């Protein structure tokens, strides 16, 4: 977490948004020590969501409008093969 964000965050200071094209700049500026996480966010998250493969939510810290983290959900689908 960046140095200027407190250890404990007031829930009212958080904003959660579903990823979309208006987040491109914030996505590209997101920093993570996990290369795979950054790669997923930049290269796959939006496209996967548009194809209904997964949904990604971005967590923002309101006082600085800073992207803190992301979470994603894999979509589940069922299909049946008939003979």
C-alpha atoms as a PDB file:
ATOM      1  CA  UNK A   1       0.000   0.000   0.000  1.00  0.00           C
ATOM      2  CA  UNK A   2       1.349   3.507  -0.745  1.00  0.00           C
ATOM      3  CA  UNK A   3       2.954   5.344   2.185  1.00  0.00           C
ATOM      4  CA  UNK A   4       0.283   8.039   2.413  1.00  0.00           C
ATOM      5  CA  UNK A   5      -2.605   5.577   2.918  1.00  0.00           C
ATOM      6  CA  UNK A   6      -3.307   4.723   6.565  1.00  0.00           C
ATOM      7  CA  UNK A   7      -3.004   1.182   7.945  1.00  0.00           C
ATOM      8  CA  UNK A   8      -6.717   1.209   8.748  1.00  0.00           C
ATOM      9  CA  UNK A   9      -9.113   2.618   6.185  1.00  0.00           C
ATOM     10  CA  UNK A  10     -12.553   3.900   7.026  1.00  0.00           C
ATOM     11  CA  UNK A  11     -15.113   1.979   4.902  1.00  0.00           C
ATOM     12  CA  UNK A  12     -16.680   5.290   3.859  1.00  0.00           C
ATOM     13  CA  UNK A  13     -13.371   6.148   2.165  1.00  0.00           C
ATOM     14  CA  UNK A  14     -13.646   3.194  -0.212  1.00  0.00           C
ATOM     15  CA  UNK A  15     -15.395   3.155  -3.564  1.00  0.00           C
ATOM     16  CA  UNK A  16     -15.876  -0.044  -5.580  1.00  0.00           C
ATOM     17  CA  UNK A  17     -16.521   0.097  -9.308  1.00  0.00           C
ATOM     18  CA  UNK A  18     -16.950  -2.513 -11.997  1.00  0.00           C
ATOM     19  CA  UNK A  19     -14.134  -2.122 -14.514  1.00  0.00           C
ATOM     20  CA  UNK A  20     -14.918  -0.382 -17.797  1.00  0.00           C
ATOM     21  CA  UNK A  21     -13.151   1.653 -20.478  1.00  0.00           C
ATOM     22  CA  UNK A  22     -13.164   4.866 -18.422  1.00  0.00           C
ATOM     23  CA  UNK A  23     -10.643   3.196 -16.059  1.00  0.00           C
ATOM     24  CA  UNK A  24      -7.930   2.725 -18.731  1.00  0.00           C
ATOM     25  CA  UNK A  25      -5.557   5.359 -17.286  1.00  0.00           C
ATOM     26  CA  UNK A  26      -5.912   4.030 -13.743  1.00  0.00           C
ATOM     27  CA  UNK A  27      -5.425   0.462 -14.965  1.00  0.00           C
ATOM     28  CA  UNK A  28      -2.232   1.391 -16.797  1.00  0.00           C
ATOM     29  CA  UNK A  29      -0.917   3.258 -13.734  1.00  0.00           C
ATOM     30  CA  UNK A  30      -1.732   0.443 -11.265  1.00  0.00           C
ATOM     31  CA  UNK A  31       1.379  -0.816  -9.482  1.00  0.00           C
ATOM     32  CA  UNK A  32       1.775  -4.311  -8.123  1.00  0.00           C
ATOM     33  CA  UNK A  33       4.721  -6.441  -7.085  1.00  0.00           C
ATOM     34  CA  UNK A  34       2.920  -9.335  -8.791  1.00  0.00           C
ATOM     35  CA  UNK A  35       3.613  -9.145 -12.514  1.00  0.00           C
ATOM     36  CA  UNK A  36       0.827 -11.634 -13.314  1.00  0.00           C
ATOM     37  CA  UNK A  37      -1.735  -9.455 -11.535  1.00  0.00           C
ATOM     38  CA  UNK A  38      -0.652  -6.314 -13.412  1.00  0.00           C
ATOM     39  CA  UNK A  39      -0.622  -8.252 -16.699  1.00  0.00           C
ATOM     40  CA  UNK A  40      -4.135  -9.587 -16.082  1.00  0.00           C
ATOM     41  CA  UNK A  41      -5.454  -6.138 -15.269  1.00  0.00           C
ATOM     42  CA  UNK A  42      -3.867  -4.434 -18.276  1.00  0.00           C
ATOM     43  CA  UNK A  43      -4.190  -7.194 -20.862  1.00  0.00           C
ATOM     44  CA  UNK A  44      -7.176  -9.358 -19.946  1.00  0.00           C
ATOM     45  CA  UNK A  45      -9.606  -7.961 -17.354  1.00  0.00           C
ATOM     46  CA  UNK A  46     -11.662  -5.684 -19.584  1.00  0.00           C
ATOM     47  CA  UNK A  47     -11.775  -8.079 -22.538  1.00  0.00           C
ATOM     48  CA  UNK A  48     -12.715 -11.018 -20.324  1.00  0.00           C
ATOM     49  CA  UNK A  49     -15.535  -8.980 -18.838  1.00  0.00           C
ATOM     50  CA  UNK A  50     -16.814  -7.931 -22.264  1.00  0.00           C
ATOM     51  CA  UNK A  51     -16.854 -11.630 -23.272  1.00  0.00           C
ATOM     52  CA  UNK A  52     -18.595 -12.574 -19.983  1.00  0.00           C
ATOM     53  CA  UNK A  53     -15.657 -14.725 -18.867  1.00  0.00           C
ATOM     54  CA  UNK A  54     -15.056 -12.824 -15.631  1.00  0.00           C
ATOM     55  CA  UNK A  55     -16.034  -9.636 -13.840  1.00  0.00           C
ATOM     56  CA  UNK A  56     -13.415  -7.346 -12.300  1.00  0.00           C
ATOM     57  CA  UNK A  57     -14.051  -4.804  -9.566  1.00  0.00           C
ATOM     58  CA  UNK A  58     -11.658  -1.969  -8.772  1.00  0.00           C
ATOM     59  CA  UNK A  59     -11.324  -0.677  -5.207  1.00  0.00           C
ATOM     60  CA  UNK A  60     -10.531   3.024  -4.874  1.00  0.00           C
ATOM     61  CA  UNK A  61      -9.412   5.024  -1.874  1.00  0.00           C
ATOM     62  CA  UNK A  62     -11.621   8.126  -2.097  1.00  0.00           C
ATOM     63  CA  UNK A  63      -9.437  10.852  -0.545  1.00  0.00           C
ATOM     64  CA  UNK A  64      -6.848  10.342  -3.306  1.00  0.00           C
ATOM     65  CA  UNK A  65      -9.035   8.533  -5.869  1.00  0.00           C
ATOM     66  CA  UNK A  66      -6.243   5.972  -5.853  1.00  0.00           C
ATOM     67  CA  UNK A  67      -6.731   2.433  -7.139  1.00  0.00           C
ATOM     68  CA  UNK A  68      -5.885   0.168  -4.205  1.00  0.00           C
ATOM     69  CA  UNK A  69      -6.727  -3.274  -5.432  1.00  0.00           C
ATOM     70  CA  UNK A  70      -8.854  -5.343  -7.709  1.00  0.00           C
ATOM     71  CA  UNK A  71     -10.915  -8.448  -7.391  1.00  0.00           C
ATOM     72  CA  UNK A  72     -12.288 -10.602 -10.120  1.00  0.00           C
ATOM     73  CA  UNK A  73     -14.911 -13.276 -10.329  1.00  0.00           C
ATOM     74  CA  UNK A  74     -14.916 -16.099 -12.814  1.00  0.00           C
ATOM     75  CA  UNK A  75     -18.227 -16.717 -14.433  1.00  0.00           C
ATOM     76  CA  UNK A  76     -19.697 -20.154 -14.123  1.00  0.00           C
ATOM     77  CA  UNK A  77     -21.806 -21.667 -16.789  1.00  0.00           C
ATOM     78  CA  UNK A  78     -23.340 -25.031 -17.275  1.00  0.00           C
ATOM     79  CA  UNK A  79     -23.939 -26.813 -20.506  1.00  0.00           C
ATOM     80  CA  UNK A  80     -25.257 -30.197 -21.398  1.00  0.00           C
ATOM     81  CA  UNK A  81     -24.194 -32.432 -24.233  1.00  0.00           C
ATOM     82  CA  UNK A  82     -26.991 -34.458 -25.744  1.00  0.00           C
ATOM     83  CA  UNK A  83     -26.497 -37.658 -27.693  1.00  0.00           C
END
